[in-house]
Protein backbone atom coordinates (compact mmCIF):
# COMPACT_ATOMS: atom_id res chain seq x y z
CA MET A 1 -5.22 57.68 -55.23
CA THR A 2 -2.26 55.53 -55.92
CA THR A 3 0.02 58.62 -57.47
CA PHE A 4 0.99 61.63 -55.34
CA PRO A 5 -0.03 64.63 -57.80
CA VAL A 6 3.01 66.84 -56.28
CA GLU A 7 6.57 67.07 -57.86
CA LEU A 8 9.46 68.11 -56.53
CA PRO A 9 12.76 68.60 -57.56
CA GLY A 10 15.20 65.99 -56.45
CA VAL A 11 12.47 63.61 -54.59
CA GLN A 12 10.86 61.12 -56.25
CA ILE A 13 7.53 59.69 -55.10
CA GLU A 14 7.04 56.16 -56.13
CA ALA A 15 3.32 55.20 -56.86
CA LEU A 16 1.56 53.30 -54.39
CA SER A 17 0.28 49.77 -54.88
CA LYS A 18 -3.17 49.11 -55.65
CA ASP A 19 -2.86 45.84 -53.29
CA GLN A 20 -5.53 46.45 -50.35
CA TYR A 21 -4.20 45.65 -46.62
CA ARG A 22 -6.57 44.68 -44.22
CA ILE A 23 -6.27 43.99 -40.40
CA LEU A 24 -8.63 42.29 -38.60
CA GLY A 25 -8.36 41.07 -34.77
CA GLU A 26 -10.80 39.40 -32.34
CA VAL A 27 -11.28 39.02 -29.19
CA ASN A 28 -13.84 36.84 -27.27
CA GLN A 29 -14.67 36.76 -23.68
CA LYS A 30 -17.52 35.05 -21.74
CA LEU A 31 -19.49 37.86 -19.54
CA TYR A 32 -21.82 35.19 -18.33
CA ASP A 33 -21.41 31.23 -18.66
CA GLY A 34 -24.31 30.17 -16.29
CA GLY A 35 -22.33 28.30 -13.73
CA ALA A 36 -20.68 26.15 -16.08
CA THR A 37 -17.34 26.97 -14.47
CA GLN A 38 -18.38 26.66 -11.02
CA GLN A 39 -19.96 23.45 -11.67
CA GLN A 40 -16.82 22.19 -13.36
CA LYS A 41 -14.63 23.47 -10.53
CA LEU A 42 -17.16 21.83 -7.96
CA LEU A 43 -17.01 18.54 -10.12
CA ALA A 44 -13.26 18.32 -9.71
CA THR A 45 -13.19 19.17 -5.89
CA THR A 46 -16.29 16.12 -5.46
CA ALA A 47 -14.05 13.62 -7.69
CA TYR A 48 -10.56 14.25 -5.82
CA GLU A 49 -12.31 13.73 -2.65
CA ILE A 50 -13.89 10.75 -3.77
CA GLU A 51 -10.53 9.56 -4.55
CA GLN A 52 -8.90 10.59 -1.15
CA ASN A 53 -11.71 8.69 0.84
CA GLY A 54 -10.83 5.93 -1.20
CA VAL A 55 -7.22 5.95 -0.46
CA GLU A 56 -8.23 6.42 2.91
CA VAL A 57 -10.11 3.44 2.88
CA GLU A 58 -7.34 1.44 1.63
CA LEU A 59 -4.66 2.62 3.98
CA GLU A 60 -7.04 1.73 6.48
CA LYS A 61 -7.38 -1.48 5.59
CA ILE A 62 -3.56 -1.93 5.09
CA ARG A 63 -3.22 -0.41 8.30
CA GLU A 64 -5.67 -2.91 9.66
CA GLN A 65 -3.61 -6.16 7.97
CA ILE A 66 -0.29 -4.95 9.75
CA ILE A 67 -1.96 -4.72 12.92
CA GLN A 68 -3.37 -8.70 12.74
CA LEU A 69 0.25 -9.55 11.23
CA TYR A 70 1.83 -7.70 14.24
CA PHE A 71 -0.97 -10.02 16.63
CA ASN A 72 -0.28 -13.17 14.97
CA ILE A 73 3.46 -12.77 15.63
CA LEU A 74 3.17 -11.97 18.97
CA GLU A 75 0.44 -15.45 19.75
CA LEU A 76 2.95 -17.37 17.52
CA ASP A 77 6.11 -16.39 19.69
CA ALA A 78 3.85 -16.93 22.81
CA ARG A 79 3.24 -20.56 21.46
CA MET A 80 6.70 -21.21 20.65
CA ARG A 81 7.95 -20.35 24.11
CA ILE A 82 5.21 -22.27 25.50
CA VAL A 83 6.29 -25.08 23.41
CA ALA A 84 9.59 -24.78 24.30
CA LEU A 85 8.59 -24.62 28.24
CA SER A 86 6.94 -27.89 27.77
CA ARG A 87 9.48 -29.77 26.27
CA GLU A 88 12.04 -29.02 28.87
CA ASP A 89 9.35 -30.23 31.40
CA LEU A 90 9.11 -33.19 29.39
CA LEU A 91 12.84 -33.85 28.80
CA ALA A 92 13.00 -33.54 32.76
CA SER A 93 10.40 -35.94 33.51
CA LEU A 94 11.51 -38.15 30.73
CA LYS A 95 15.02 -38.39 32.85
CA ILE A 96 13.24 -39.05 36.02
CA ILE A 97 11.01 -41.94 34.83
CA GLU A 98 14.31 -43.31 32.93
CA ALA A 99 15.91 -43.29 36.00
CA ALA A 100 12.73 -45.06 37.47
CA VAL A 101 12.45 -47.43 34.96
CA THR A 102 16.36 -48.60 35.27
CA ASN A 103 15.45 -49.01 39.32
CA GLY A 104 12.45 -50.84 38.20
CA ILE A 105 9.92 -48.27 40.17
CA ALA A 106 8.18 -47.23 37.09
CA LEU A 107 7.32 -49.13 33.88
CA LYS A 108 8.53 -48.68 30.71
CA SER A 109 5.04 -48.03 29.26
CA GLU A 110 5.58 -44.62 31.44
CA LYS A 111 8.65 -44.03 29.52
CA ASN A 112 7.10 -44.56 26.35
CA ALA A 113 4.50 -42.32 27.10
CA LEU A 114 6.52 -39.36 27.56
CA GLU A 115 8.78 -40.13 24.33
CA ALA A 116 5.29 -39.75 22.28
CA ALA A 117 4.22 -36.84 24.29
CA LEU A 118 7.84 -35.48 23.21
CA ILE A 119 7.56 -36.58 19.52
CA ASN A 120 4.25 -34.93 19.63
CA LEU A 121 5.75 -31.87 20.98
CA GLU A 122 8.13 -31.68 18.06
CA GLN A 123 5.69 -32.08 15.70
CA GLN A 124 3.94 -28.80 17.48
CA THR A 125 7.08 -27.17 17.18
CA MET A 126 7.57 -27.84 13.45
CA ASN A 127 3.86 -26.64 12.95
CA CYS A 128 4.68 -23.67 14.38
CA GLY A 129 7.88 -23.00 12.54
CA HIS A 130 6.00 -23.65 9.17
CA LEU A 131 3.07 -20.84 10.06
CA GLY A 132 5.05 -18.08 8.91
CA GLN A 133 6.26 -19.57 5.51
CA PRO A 134 4.44 -19.32 2.97
C-alpha cells in the first residue's frame, strides 16, 4: 500500500515512496575459543619474562665489569704508591752513595747501578700511567 485511501478536508497526505528500506545489524561474540586467548596471554607473559631475564643477565655482566674495573683501579693505585715509595728509597740511597763516591768509600759502579734502578723505576711509573689510557 503506497497511498492512504482516506481524504480529509484541509489535510493533504502524500503518497508513500515505493522504495524499500532495510536495517540490518550483526553482533558476534565468541562463546568458546578453545583456550586460545588464555594461551596467547601465557605466551605474551612468557616472552616478557624471557626478555626480563635477558636484561637481568646483561645487567649482571655490566655490574661484574664495573667491579672488575674498580678493583683494577685499586690495584693500579697501590702499584703507583709502591713505585713512589721505591723511588723515594732509591733517591735517598743515591744521595748516600753519591756522598760515599765523593769521599772515596764507594765505587762509581754502585752509583750507576742505583741510577739504572731509578731509570727502570721511572719506566715502570710511565707504564702504570699508560695502563689507564686507551
